[in-house]
C-alpha atoms as a PDB file:
ATOM      1  CA  MET A   1     -90.387  57.576 156.536  1.00  0.00           C
ATOM      2  CA  THR A   2     -92.542  57.574 153.344  1.00  0.00           C
ATOM      3  CA  ALA A   3     -90.644  60.376 151.862  1.00  0.00           C
ATOM      4  CA  HIS A   4     -87.249  58.594 152.485  1.00  0.00           C
ATOM      5  CA  PHE A   5     -88.603  55.442 150.813  1.00  0.00           C
ATOM      6  CA  GLY A   6     -89.820  57.402 147.833  1.00  0.00           C
ATOM      7  CA  VAL A   7     -86.210  59.073 147.451  1.00  0.00           C
ATOM      8  CA  MET A   8     -84.646  55.609 147.604  1.00  0.00           C
ATOM      9  CA  ILE A   9     -86.954  54.209 144.922  1.00  0.00           C
ATOM     10  CA  ALA A  10     -86.382  57.160 142.640  1.00  0.00           C
ATOM     11  CA  GLY A  11     -82.745  56.696 143.026  1.00  0.00           C
ATOM     12  CA  PHE A  12     -82.759  52.941 142.057  1.00  0.00           C
ATOM     13  CA  LEU A  13     -85.033  53.771 139.050  1.00  0.00           C
ATOM     14  CA  LEU A  14     -82.578  56.397 137.863  1.00  0.00           C
ATOM     15  CA  LEU A  15     -79.681  53.862 138.365  1.00  0.00           C
ATOM     16  CA  TRP A  16     -81.317  51.155 136.227  1.00  0.00           C
ATOM     17  CA  LEU A  17     -82.246  53.634 133.478  1.00  0.00           C
ATOM     18  CA  GLY A  18     -78.907  55.236 133.627  1.00  0.00           C
ATOM     19  CA  ALA A  19     -77.057  52.040 133.419  1.00  0.00           C
ATOM     20  CA  GLU A  20     -78.993  50.928 130.385  1.00  0.00           C
ATOM     21  CA  GLY A  21     -78.357  54.163 128.570  1.00  0.00           C
ATOM     22  CA  PHE A  22     -74.679  54.328 129.637  1.00  0.00           C
ATOM     23  CA  VAL A  23     -73.905  50.866 128.335  1.00  0.00           C
ATOM     24  CA  ARG A  24     -75.835  51.084 125.096  1.00  0.00           C
ATOM     25  CA  GLY A  25     -74.325  54.370 124.315  1.00  0.00           C
ATOM     26  CA  GLY A  26     -70.904  53.260 125.145  1.00  0.00           C
ATOM     27  CA  ALA A  27     -71.159  50.033 123.293  1.00  0.00           C
ATOM     28  CA  ARG A  28     -72.409  51.972 120.011  1.00  0.00           C
ATOM     29  CA  ILE A  29     -69.606  54.454 120.322  1.00  0.00           C
ATOM     30  CA  SER A  30     -66.941  51.702 120.764  1.00  0.00           C
ATOM     31  CA  SER A  31     -68.332  49.842 117.702  1.00  0.00           C
ATOM     32  CA  ALA A  32     -68.308  52.919 115.587  1.00  0.00           C
ATOM     33  CA  ALA A  33     -64.665  53.586 116.616  1.00  0.00           C
ATOM     34  CA  GLY A  34     -63.667  50.035 115.286  1.00  0.00           C
ATOM     35  CA  ILE A  35     -63.322  48.267 118.571  1.00  0.00           C
ATOM     36  CA  SER A  36     -63.652  44.501 118.530  1.00  0.00           C
ATOM     37  CA  SER A  37     -67.233  43.353 119.378  1.00  0.00           C
ATOM     38  CA  VAL A  38     -65.710  40.858 121.801  1.00  0.00           C
ATOM     39  CA  ILE A  39     -63.974  43.626 123.633  1.00  0.00           C
ATOM     40  CA  VAL A  40     -67.051  45.664 123.824  1.00  0.00           C
ATOM     41  CA  GLY A  41     -68.950  42.689 125.071  1.00  0.00           C
ATOM     42  CA  LEU A  42     -66.411  42.017 127.716  1.00  0.00           C
ATOM     43  CA  THR A  43     -66.288  45.596 128.990  1.00  0.00           C
ATOM     44  CA  PHE A  44     -69.574  47.372 128.577  1.00  0.00           C
ATOM     45  CA  GLY A  45     -71.662  44.196 128.376  1.00  0.00           C
ATOM     46  CA  ALA A  46     -69.969  42.478 131.358  1.00  0.00           C
ATOM     47  CA  ILE A  47     -69.920  45.376 133.617  1.00  0.00           C
ATOM     48  CA  ALA A  48     -73.532  46.516 132.597  1.00  0.00           C
ATOM     49  CA  THR A  49     -75.362  44.689 135.426  1.00  0.00           C
ATOM     50  CA  SER A  50     -72.800  45.856 137.959  1.00  0.00           C
ATOM     51  CA  LEU A  51     -73.055  49.561 137.267  1.00  0.00           C
ATOM     52  CA  PRO A  52     -75.675  50.209 139.985  1.00  0.00           C
ATOM     53  CA  GLU A  53     -73.488  48.501 142.657  1.00  0.00           C
ATOM     54  CA  LEU A  54     -70.512  50.423 141.398  1.00  0.00           C
ATOM     55  CA  THR A  55     -72.135  53.821 141.373  1.00  0.00           C
ATOM     56  CA  VAL A  56     -73.790  53.405 144.854  1.00  0.00           C
ATOM     57  CA  SER A  57     -70.662  52.073 146.584  1.00  0.00           C
ATOM     58  CA  TRP A  58     -68.340  54.606 145.157  1.00  0.00           C
ATOM     59  CA  ILE A  59     -70.644  57.487 145.936  1.00  0.00           C
ATOM     60  CA  ALA A  60     -71.207  56.011 149.446  1.00  0.00           C
ATOM     61  CA  SER A  61     -67.397  55.837 149.870  1.00  0.00           C
ATOM     62  CA  PHE A  62     -66.902  59.363 148.710  1.00  0.00           C
ATOM     63  CA  THR A  63     -69.459  60.683 151.210  1.00  0.00           C
ATOM     64  CA  GLY A  64     -67.949  58.576 154.096  1.00  0.00           C
ATOM     65  CA  ALA A  65     -70.490  55.812 154.302  1.00  0.00           C
ATOM     66  CA  GLY A  66     -67.892  53.015 153.924  1.00  0.00           C
ATOM     67  CA  ALA A  67     -70.081  50.332 155.808  1.00  0.00           C
ATOM     68  CA  VAL A  68     -72.695  50.960 153.031  1.00  0.00           C
ATOM     69  CA  ALA A  69     -70.242  50.659 150.206  1.00  0.00           C
ATOM     70  CA  LEU A  70     -68.727  47.428 151.469  1.00  0.00           C
ATOM     71  CA  GLY A  71     -72.101  46.091 152.506  1.00  0.00           C
ATOM     72  CA  ASN A  72     -73.399  46.675 149.088  1.00  0.00           C
ATOM     73  CA  ALA A  73     -70.608  44.875 147.373  1.00  0.00           C
ATOM     74  CA  ALA A  74     -70.915  41.830 149.664  1.00  0.00           C
ATOM     75  CA  GLY A  75     -74.714  41.783 150.018  1.00  0.00           C
ATOM     76  CA  SER A  76     -75.074  42.049 146.256  1.00  0.00           C
ATOM     77  CA  ASN A  77     -72.980  38.951 145.653  1.00  0.00           C
ATOM     78  CA  ILE A  78     -74.967  37.070 148.376  1.00  0.00           C
ATOM     79  CA  ALA A  79     -78.174  38.162 146.729  1.00  0.00           C
ATOM     80  CA  ASN A  80     -76.973  37.230 143.256  1.00  0.00           C
ATOM     81  CA  THR A  81     -76.041  33.628 144.500  1.00  0.00           C
ATOM     82  CA  GLY A  82     -78.750  32.831 147.005  1.00  0.00           C
ATOM     83  CA  LEU A  83     -81.748  34.808 145.557  1.00  0.00           C
ATOM     84  CA  ALA A  84     -80.950  35.277 141.874  1.00  0.00           C
ATOM     85  CA  LEU A  85     -79.507  31.772 141.151  1.00  0.00           C
ATOM     86  CA  GLY A  86     -81.983  30.209 143.471  1.00  0.00           C
ATOM     87  CA  LEU A  87     -85.024  31.705 141.606  1.00  0.00           C
ATOM     88  CA  GLY A  88     -83.503  31.122 138.214  1.00  0.00           C
ATOM     89  CA  ALA A  89     -82.778  27.375 138.866  1.00  0.00           C
ATOM     90  CA  LEU A  90     -86.299  27.047 140.335  1.00  0.00           C
ATOM     91  CA  ILE A  91     -87.718  28.129 137.056  1.00  0.00           C
ATOM     92  CA  TYR A  92     -85.233  26.127 134.875  1.00  0.00           C
ATOM     93  CA  PRO A  93     -82.127  24.246 135.879  1.00  0.00           C
ATOM     94  CA  LEU A  94     -78.881  26.083 135.086  1.00  0.00           C
ATOM     95  CA  ALA A  95     -75.994  24.324 133.443  1.00  0.00           C
ATOM     96  CA  ALA A  96     -72.457  25.087 134.736  1.00  0.00           C
ATOM     97  CA  ASP A  97     -70.252  25.762 131.807  1.00  0.00           C
ATOM     98  CA  LYS A  98     -66.753  23.979 132.028  1.00  0.00           C
ATOM     99  CA  GLU A  99     -64.959  27.293 131.087  1.00  0.00           C
ATOM    100  CA  ILE A 100     -66.573  29.178 133.969  1.00  0.00           C
ATOM    101  CA  LEU A 101     -65.625  26.413 136.564  1.00  0.00           C
ATOM    102  CA  LYS A 102     -62.008  26.229 135.140  1.00  0.00           C
ATOM    103  CA  TYR A 103     -61.203  29.943 134.814  1.00  0.00           C
ATOM    104  CA  ASP A 104     -63.788  32.383 136.284  1.00  0.00           C
ATOM    105  CA  PHE A 105     -64.556  30.606 139.439  1.00  0.00           C
ATOM    106  CA  ARG A 106     -61.009  30.603 140.388  1.00  0.00           C
ATOM    107  CA  TYR A 107     -61.023  34.487 140.360  1.00  0.00           C
ATOM    108  CA  LEU A 108     -64.271  34.593 142.262  1.00  0.00           C
ATOM    109  CA  LEU A 109     -62.900  32.384 144.953  1.00  0.00           C
ATOM    110  CA  GLY A 110     -59.602  34.174 145.110  1.00  0.00           C
ATOM    111  CA  ALA A 111     -61.340  37.560 145.350  1.00  0.00           C
ATOM    112  CA  SER A 112     -63.623  36.288 148.035  1.00  0.00           C
ATOM    113  CA  LEU A 113     -60.687  34.984 150.040  1.00  0.00           C
ATOM    114  CA  LEU A 114     -58.811  38.319 149.701  1.00  0.00           C
ATOM    115  CA  LEU A 115     -61.708  40.211 150.913  1.00  0.00           C
ATOM    116  CA  VAL A 116     -61.907  38.020 154.082  1.00  0.00           C
ATOM    117  CA  VAL A 117     -58.180  38.597 154.683  1.00  0.00           C
ATOM    118  CA  PHE A 118     -58.371  42.386 153.991  1.00  0.00           C
ATOM    119  CA  THR A 119     -61.364  43.101 156.265  1.00  0.00           C
ATOM    120  CA  PHE A 120     -60.410  40.685 159.111  1.00  0.00           C
ATOM    121  CA  ASP A 121     -58.474  43.520 160.982  1.00  0.00           C
ATOM    122  CA  MET A 122     -61.603  45.960 160.712  1.00  0.00           C
ATOM    123  CA  VAL A 123     -59.855  48.223 158.272  1.00  0.00           C
ATOM    124  CA  PHE A 124     -60.240  47.773 154.458  1.00  0.00           C
ATOM    125  CA  SER A 125     -57.228  50.077 153.569  1.00  0.00           C
ATOM    126  CA  ARG A 126     -56.559  51.953 150.435  1.00  0.00           C
ATOM    127  CA  PRO A 127     -53.595  49.762 149.448  1.00  0.00           C
ATOM    128  CA  GLU A 128     -55.789  46.756 149.926  1.00  0.00           C
ATOM    129  CA  GLY A 129     -58.381  48.263 147.715  1.00  0.00           C
ATOM    130  CA  LEU A 130     -55.916  49.085 144.927  1.00  0.00           C
ATOM    131  CA  VAL A 131     -54.728  45.400 145.043  1.00  0.00           C
ATOM    132  CA  LEU A 132     -58.263  44.325 144.273  1.00  0.00           C
ATOM    133  CA  VAL A 133     -58.611  46.999 141.514  1.00  0.00           C
ATOM    134  CA  ALA A 134     -55.343  45.647 139.970  1.00  0.00           C
ATOM    135  CA  PHE A 135     -56.682  42.152 139.974  1.00  0.00           C
ATOM    136  CA  PHE A 136     -59.876  43.388 138.171  1.00  0.00           C
ATOM    137  CA  PHE A 137     -57.768  44.604 135.327  1.00  0.00           C
ATOM    138  CA  ILE A 138     -55.821  41.389 135.220  1.00  0.00           C
ATOM    139  CA  TYR A 139     -58.979  39.426 135.031  1.00  0.00           C
ATOM    140  CA  ILE A 140     -60.143  41.654 132.110  1.00  0.00           C
ATOM    141  CA  LEU A 141     -56.924  41.091 130.303  1.00  0.00           C
ATOM    142  CA  HIS A 142     -57.319  37.401 130.970  1.00  0.00           C
ATOM    143  CA  ILE A 143     -60.837  37.156 129.585  1.00  0.00           C
ATOM    144  CA  ILE A 144     -59.869  39.316 126.561  1.00  0.00           C
ATOM    145  CA  LYS A 145     -56.957  36.958 125.787  1.00  0.00           C
ATOM    146  CA  ARG A 146     -59.259  33.938 126.102  1.00  0.00           C
ATOM    147  CA  HIS A 147     -61.762  35.412 123.606  1.00  0.00           C
ATOM    148  CA  ARG A 148     -59.340  37.264 121.226  1.00  0.00           C
ATOM    149  CA  VAL A 149     -60.621  37.632 117.744  1.00  0.00           C
ATOM    150  CA  ALA A 150     -58.328  38.308 114.664  1.00  0.00           C
ATOM    151  CA  ALA A 151     -59.909  41.545 113.537  1.00  0.00           C
ATOM    152  CA  PRO A 152     -62.050  44.481 115.031  1.00  0.00           C
ATOM    153  CA  LEU A 153     -65.459  45.468 113.593  1.00  0.00           C
ATOM    154  CA  PRO A 154     -65.304  47.994 110.722  1.00  0.00           C
ATOM    155  CA  VAL A 155     -66.097  51.641 111.571  1.00  0.00           C
ATOM    156  CA  SER A 156     -69.894  52.175 111.590  1.00  0.00           C
ATOM    157  CA  GLY A 157     -71.452  54.715 109.463  1.00  0.00           C
ATOM    158  CA  ASP A 158     -74.302  55.242 111.902  1.00  0.00           C
ATOM    159  CA  SER A 159     -74.856  58.607 113.422  1.00  0.00           C
ATOM    160  CA  ILE A 160     -72.788  59.116 116.549  1.00  0.00           C
ATOM    161  CA  VAL A 161     -75.018  61.798 117.979  1.00  0.00           C
ATOM    162  CA  ILE A 162     -77.573  59.517 119.628  1.00  0.00           C
ATOM    163  CA  PRO A 163     -75.058  57.199 121.208  1.00  0.00           C
ATOM    164  CA  VAL A 164     -73.173  60.070 122.648  1.00  0.00           C
ATOM    165  CA  PHE A 165     -76.383  61.653 123.945  1.00  0.00           C
ATOM    166  CA  LEU A 166     -77.264  58.168 125.604  1.00  0.00           C
ATOM    167  CA  PHE A 167     -73.834  57.863 126.977  1.00  0.00           C
ATOM    168  CA  ILE A 168     -73.801  61.262 128.700  1.00  0.00           C
ATOM    169  CA  LEU A 169     -77.441  61.086 129.741  1.00  0.00           C
ATOM    170  CA  GLY A 170     -76.942  57.669 131.257  1.00  0.00           C
ATOM    171  CA  GLY A 171     -73.859  58.723 133.187  1.00  0.00           C
ATOM    172  CA  SER A 172     -75.692  61.663 134.547  1.00  0.00           C
ATOM    173  CA  ALA A 173     -78.611  59.541 135.583  1.00  0.00           C
ATOM    174  CA  LEU A 174     -76.203  56.978 137.195  1.00  0.00           C
ATOM    175  CA  PHE A 175     -74.723  59.724 139.282  1.00  0.00           C
ATOM    176  CA  ALA A 176     -78.044  61.411 140.321  1.00  0.00           C
ATOM    177  CA  GLY A 177     -79.621  57.906 141.040  1.00  0.00           C
ATOM    178  CA  GLY A 178     -76.638  56.961 143.046  1.00  0.00           C
ATOM    179  CA  ARG A 179     -76.858  60.068 145.277  1.00  0.00           C
ATOM    180  CA  LEU A 180     -80.528  59.610 145.815  1.00  0.00           C
ATOM    181  CA  ALA A 181     -80.439  55.905 146.422  1.00  0.00           C
ATOM    182  CA  VAL A 182     -77.641  56.356 149.064  1.00  0.00           C
ATOM    183  CA  SER A 183     -79.219  59.441 150.897  1.00  0.00           C
ATOM    184  CA  GLY A 184     -82.651  57.895 150.783  1.00  0.00           C
ATOM    185  CA  THR A 185     -81.506  54.372 152.095  1.00  0.00           C
ATOM    186  CA  LEU A 186     -79.405  55.978 154.895  1.00  0.00           C
ATOM    187  CA  ALA A 187     -82.293  58.169 155.998  1.00  0.00           C
ATOM    188  CA  LEU A 188     -84.684  55.124 155.866  1.00  0.00           C
ATOM    189  CA  ALA A 189     -82.061  52.997 157.864  1.00  0.00           C
ATOM    190  CA  ARG A 190     -81.900  55.699 160.590  1.00  0.00           C
ATOM    191  CA  ALA A 191     -85.661  55.846 160.732  1.00  0.00           C
ATOM    192  CA  LEU A 192     -85.921  52.039 161.108  1.00  0.00           C
ATOM    193  CA  GLY A 193     -83.101  52.029 163.492  1.00  0.00           C
ATOM    194  CA  ILE A 194     -80.769  49.558 161.563  1.00  0.00           C
ATOM    195  CA  SER A 195     -77.031  50.043 161.060  1.00  0.00           C
ATOM    196  CA  GLN A 196     -75.445  51.220 157.809  1.00  0.00           C
ATOM    197  CA  ALA A 197     -73.860  47.871 157.250  1.00  0.00           C
ATOM    198  CA  ALA A 198     -77.265  46.096 157.602  1.00  0.00           C
ATOM    199  CA  ALA A 199     -78.637  48.583 155.108  1.00  0.00           C
ATOM    200  CA  GLY A 200     -76.044  47.950 152.693  1.00  0.00           C
ATOM    201  CA  LEU A 201     -76.335  44.231 152.969  1.00  0.00           C
ATOM    202  CA  THR A 202     -79.991  44.142 152.504  1.00  0.00           C
ATOM    203  CA  ILE A 203     -81.926  47.120 151.103  1.00  0.00           C
ATOM    204  CA  ILE A 204     -79.246  48.451 148.856  1.00  0.00           C
ATOM    205  CA  ALA A 205     -77.888  45.156 147.857  1.00  0.00           C
ATOM    206  CA  LEU A 206     -81.231  43.910 146.847  1.00  0.00           C
ATOM    207  CA  GLY A 207     -81.930  47.210 144.920  1.00  0.00           C
ATOM    208  CA  THR A 208     -78.745  47.268 142.910  1.00  0.00           C
ATOM    209  CA  SER A 209     -78.944  43.380 142.309  1.00  0.00           C
ATOM    210  CA  LEU A 210     -82.275  43.771 140.520  1.00  0.00           C
ATOM    211  CA  PRO A 211     -80.714  43.890 137.038  1.00  0.00           C
ATOM    212  CA  GLU A 212     -78.862  40.572 137.654  1.00  0.00           C
ATOM    213  CA  ILE A 213     -82.053  39.049 139.027  1.00  0.00           C
ATOM    214  CA  ALA A 214     -83.846  40.200 135.901  1.00  0.00           C
ATOM    215  CA  VAL A 215     -81.265  38.932 133.507  1.00  0.00           C
ATOM    216  CA  LEU A 216     -81.170  35.392 135.268  1.00  0.00           C
ATOM    217  CA  VAL A 217     -84.854  34.950 135.490  1.00  0.00           C
ATOM    218  CA  ALA A 218     -85.311  36.051 131.876  1.00  0.00           C
ATOM    219  CA  GLY A 219     -82.512  33.757 130.758  1.00  0.00           C
ATOM    220  CA  SER A 220     -84.111  30.938 132.690  1.00  0.00           C
ATOM    221  CA  VAL A 221     -87.663  31.494 131.182  1.00  0.00           C
ATOM    222  CA  ARG A 222     -85.999  31.579 127.756  1.00  0.00           C
ATOM    223  CA  LYS A 223     -84.133  28.380 128.612  1.00  0.00           C
ATOM    224  CA  ALA A 224     -80.772  30.106 128.058  1.00  0.00           C
ATOM    225  CA  PRO A 225     -79.112  29.097 131.439  1.00  0.00           C
ATOM    226  CA  GLU A 226     -75.525  29.425 130.157  1.00  0.00           C
ATOM    227  CA  ILE A 227     -76.107  33.348 129.638  1.00  0.00           C
ATOM    228  CA  SER A 228     -77.657  33.602 133.192  1.00  0.00           C
ATOM    229  CA  LEU A 229     -74.907  31.772 135.124  1.00  0.00           C
ATOM    230  CA  GLY A 230     -72.002  33.527 133.235  1.00  0.00           C
ATOM    231  CA  THR A 231     -73.664  36.897 133.961  1.00  0.00           C
ATOM    232  CA  ILE A 232     -73.857  36.191 137.837  1.00  0.00           C
ATOM    233  CA  VAL A 233     -70.322  34.736 138.091  1.00  0.00           C
ATOM    234  CA  GLY A 234     -68.820  37.760 136.118  1.00  0.00           C
ATOM    235  CA  SER A 235     -70.933  40.260 138.177  1.00  0.00           C
ATOM    236  CA  ASN A 236     -69.786  38.742 141.491  1.00  0.00           C
ATOM    237  CA  ILE A 237     -66.115  39.053 140.452  1.00  0.00           C
ATOM    238  CA  PHE A 238     -66.649  42.692 139.473  1.00  0.00           C
ATOM    239  CA  ASN A 239     -68.508  43.414 142.644  1.00  0.00           C
ATOM    240  CA  ILE A 240     -65.583  42.349 144.828  1.00  0.00           C
ATOM    241  CA  LEU A 241     -62.711  43.605 142.719  1.00  0.00           C
ATOM    242  CA  LEU A 242     -64.038  46.863 141.288  1.00  0.00           C
ATOM    243  CA  VAL A 243     -66.966  47.789 143.602  1.00  0.00           C
ATOM    244  CA  GLY A 244     -65.438  46.784 146.846  1.00  0.00           C
ATOM    245  CA  GLY A 245     -61.872  47.446 145.948  1.00  0.00           C
ATOM    246  CA  GLY A 246     -62.619  50.713 144.239  1.00  0.00           C
ATOM    247  CA  SER A 247     -64.545  51.806 147.309  1.00  0.00           C
ATOM    248  CA  ALA A 248     -61.572  51.199 149.625  1.00  0.00           C
ATOM    249  CA  ALA A 249     -59.219  52.826 147.191  1.00  0.00           C
ATOM    250  CA  ILE A 250     -61.407  56.009 147.290  1.00  0.00           C
ATOM    251  CA  ASN A 251     -61.540  56.019 151.090  1.00  0.00           C
ATOM    252  CA  PRO A 252     -60.345  53.445 153.618  1.00  0.00           C
ATOM    253  CA  ILE A 253     -63.248  51.490 155.224  1.00  0.00           C
ATOM    254  CA  HIS A 254     -63.560  51.034 158.878  1.00  0.00           C
ATOM    255  CA  ILE A 255     -65.930  48.312 160.125  1.00  0.00           C
ATOM    256  CA  ASN A 256     -66.753  46.913 163.562  1.00  0.00           C
ATOM    257  CA  ARG A 257     -65.756  43.381 164.828  1.00  0.00           C
ATOM    258  CA  ALA A 258     -69.299  41.992 164.098  1.00  0.00           C
ATOM    259  CA  GLU A 259     -69.319  43.282 160.603  1.00  0.00           C
ATOM    260  CA  ALA A 260     -65.676  41.910 159.967  1.00  0.00           C
ATOM    261  CA  LEU A 261     -66.754  38.534 161.245  1.00  0.00           C
ATOM    262  CA  PHE A 262     -70.029  38.411 159.194  1.00  0.00           C
ATOM    263  CA  GLN A 263     -69.918  40.254 155.834  1.00  0.00           C
ATOM    264  CA  ALA A 264     -66.888  38.822 153.909  1.00  0.00           C
ATOM    265  CA  PRO A 265     -67.139  35.364 155.627  1.00  0.00           C
ATOM    266  CA  ALA A 266     -70.744  35.092 154.617  1.00  0.00           C
ATOM    267  CA  LEU A 267     -69.789  36.105 151.112  1.00  0.00           C
ATOM    268  CA  LEU A 268     -67.000  33.424 151.020  1.00  0.00           C
ATOM    269  CA  LEU A 269     -69.473  30.709 152.424  1.00  0.00           C
ATOM    270  CA  PHE A 270     -71.953  31.474 149.604  1.00  0.00           C
ATOM    271  CA  THR A 271     -69.231  31.404 146.952  1.00  0.00           C
ATOM    272  CA  LEU A 272     -68.122  27.982 148.326  1.00  0.00           C
ATOM    273  CA  LEU A 273     -71.815  26.829 148.318  1.00  0.00           C
ATOM    274  CA  LEU A 274     -72.147  27.906 144.612  1.00  0.00           C
ATOM    275  CA  PHE A 275     -69.024  26.053 143.802  1.00  0.00           C
ATOM    276  CA  GLY A 276     -70.230  22.781 145.577  1.00  0.00           C
ATOM    277  CA  VAL A 277     -73.561  22.936 143.923  1.00  0.00           C
ATOM    278  CA  MET A 278     -72.028  23.466 140.438  1.00  0.00           C
ATOM    279  CA  LEU A 279     -69.411  20.941 140.838  1.00  0.00           C
ATOM    280  CA  ALA A 280     -71.892  18.250 142.097  1.00  0.00           C
ATOM    281  CA  GLY A 281     -73.642  17.723 138.900  1.00  0.00           C
ATOM    282  CA  ARG A 282     -72.319  20.426 136.502  1.00  0.00           C
ATOM    283  CA  ARG A 283     -75.761  22.013 136.964  1.00  0.00           C
ATOM    284  CA  ILE A 284     -77.960  23.786 139.472  1.00  0.00           C
ATOM    285  CA  SER A 285     -81.225  21.725 139.684  1.00  0.00           C
ATOM    286  CA  ARG A 286     -84.570  22.919 140.931  1.00  0.00           C
ATOM    287  CA  TYR A 287     -83.847  21.254 144.257  1.00  0.00           C
ATOM    288  CA  GLU A 288     -80.561  22.908 144.539  1.00  0.00           C
ATOM    289  CA  GLY A 289     -82.180  26.303 143.624  1.00  0.00           C
ATOM    290  CA  GLY A 290     -84.626  25.909 146.445  1.00  0.00           C
ATOM    291  CA  PHE A 291     -81.772  25.207 148.773  1.00  0.00           C
ATOM    292  CA  LEU A 292     -79.979  28.202 147.782  1.00  0.00           C
ATOM    293  CA  LEU A 293     -83.188  30.364 148.377  1.00  0.00           C
ATOM    294  CA  PHE A 294     -83.527  28.689 151.838  1.00  0.00           C
ATOM    295  CA  CYS A 295     -79.823  29.472 152.632  1.00  0.00           C
ATOM    296  CA  TYR A 296     -80.499  33.178 151.624  1.00  0.00           C
ATOM    297  CA  ALA A 297     -83.593  33.396 153.746  1.00  0.00           C
ATOM    298  CA  GLY A 298     -81.482  31.997 156.730  1.00  0.00           C
ATOM    299  CA  TYR A 299     -78.864  34.610 155.983  1.00  0.00           C
ATOM    300  CA  ILE A 300     -81.249  37.428 156.159  1.00  0.00           C
ATOM    301  CA  ALA A 301     -82.617  36.281 159.444  1.00  0.00           C
ATOM    302  CA  LEU A 302     -79.177  35.779 160.918  1.00  0.00           C
ATOM    303  CA  LEU A 303     -77.931  39.170 159.652  1.00  0.00           C
ATOM    304  CA  PHE A 304     -80.404  41.177 161.736  1.00  0.00           C
ATOM    305  CA  GLY A 305     -79.564  39.010 164.669  1.00  0.00           C
ATOM    306  CA  VAL A 306     -75.852  39.802 164.329  1.00  0.00           C
ATOM    307  CA  LEU A 307     -75.797  43.357 162.911  1.00  0.00           C
END
């Protein structure tokens, strides 16, 4: 069991380091090519914290572990909302930006509802996954349109060798880390006698959500809550549309009745809970942060009773 745990931790470390190198290298290459700084931020910057989830879920789907892929997507969103936002608000109250409530949250709610509908029959099919992936690109086009700028950055004179090296090395580390994280977690789950879905919703979801938790806690400590909340909402949208949808597009995901009645509905409930908290006072107070943490603890306790 110790060896399985070591493999899993090594995989997560490679994932986080790989994501950092991949994003930094890709952003520098894009800037050097004269691509708008806003476009760079909305692509590499926005997807940065979701790369561990993306890599793990897609690799899990390729290897036939669909329950892990879907559990990771749903569990990461629940961890982002209950654990990350709860901790962040406990440190410093989080302001709810009007634009997030008006635009981004509609996509998050719509994506959550679609996931409930698509998994209710216990088969998350390839066409359904492609629908979510299509909505991901629609969302990207929408945020680019909302933040359009007149002219791109000028072509950088900096050397392109180091960014390319970081990009390739980061991508390789992401792949290797994803393989290790999936294999190590599945072996650990078998040793502990828990299901693939439960492993995806807890162990893998927490491991791949650590970048979001780190960003949010750091933003709260620096009293920059608008960065923190925007990161979480954007990451949750990407997790459903690109991570979950992409996983089903790779391989149809079959789940049992208990998983169908628990995973996506729990994600939807946490999404609605977040909306209610944000709408109540246009901020997430320390008390509300504590309530989110309490709900997350209750969800974890219920999860092992159901799955």
